[in-house]
Amino acid sequence: MYKNLEDVIKTVETLRSPNGCQWDREQTHSSLRPNMVEEAYEAIDAINDNDSEHLKEELGDVLLQVLLHAQIAKDENEFDIEDVAKVLNEKLIHRHPHVFGNTKVTSTDEILSNWDKLKKEEKPHRKSVMDGVSKSQSALMAAQKISKKAVKVGFEWDCESSLYDCVQSEIDEFKEACQENDKSHMEEELGDLLFAVVNLARWNKIDAEQALIKANKKFMTRFRKMEELAAKPLEEYSFEEYDALWKQAKSEIYS
């Protein structure tokens, strides 16, 4: 039924075999670590671009990373791809009792609440609400998860206006640190400001990571348009000329 999946598993096994590829044989969990992150982000790019063909290809690259790690573990007599699939299947069944059991739910919120409860039961070694935040993910993504974890136990703002007050307060404190010209204090206050903005995003059910990705893309698009419109090297532009060129680029993109 899943012949292509079985074939690619065998292909990866062959690549790691004595008669396979030297590069593949030399790889370890640690050496492949950057590839896992890079391939995941490339898949996200395809999703953001709404490009199904590109997504199909990038998901294959993500799958390759999973298969390579599983094969490395198999070569070291630790586990194999079957064990990975078994653990995943058991987890999915256990965390969906409304599908595979007799639990009744009436909303997505109930489903998520059950998921968190079952996850907590599976990991009794976690004592703090903050346990389980990945140390390897981006600081922005970690901030979102930290904020969500705190809210789940009731540590929440009383209203959105309080959040705006917090953001403004952090801006003021950052300005004060800048006036002191204390780099360490500036870094601390800027971190507080960024964390407050992440909370504002979370309150409004906005993914801060995706929002920043889109902002980056928008800025690069406008900047490239400025480069196209520039009548002289950008290094020679004054602030006023830059401002006018930026507005022109923005106008042409959205005209």
Foldseek 3Di string as FASTA:
>chain_A
DPVVVVVVLVVLLQLCDPPHPPVLVPDAPVNCVVQLVVLVVQLVVCVVVVPVVSNVVSVVSNVSSVSSHQSNCVVVVRHHVVVVVVVVVVLVLQLPCVVNNDDDDDDPVVSVVSNVVSVCVVCVVDDDLLPPQDPPDDPLQSLLSVLVSCVVVPPDDPDLVVLVVQLVVLVVQLVVCVVVVDVVSNVVSVVSNSSSVSNSCVVVVHRPVVVVVVVVVVVVQLVVLLVVPDPDPPVPDDPVRVVVSSVVSVVVVVD
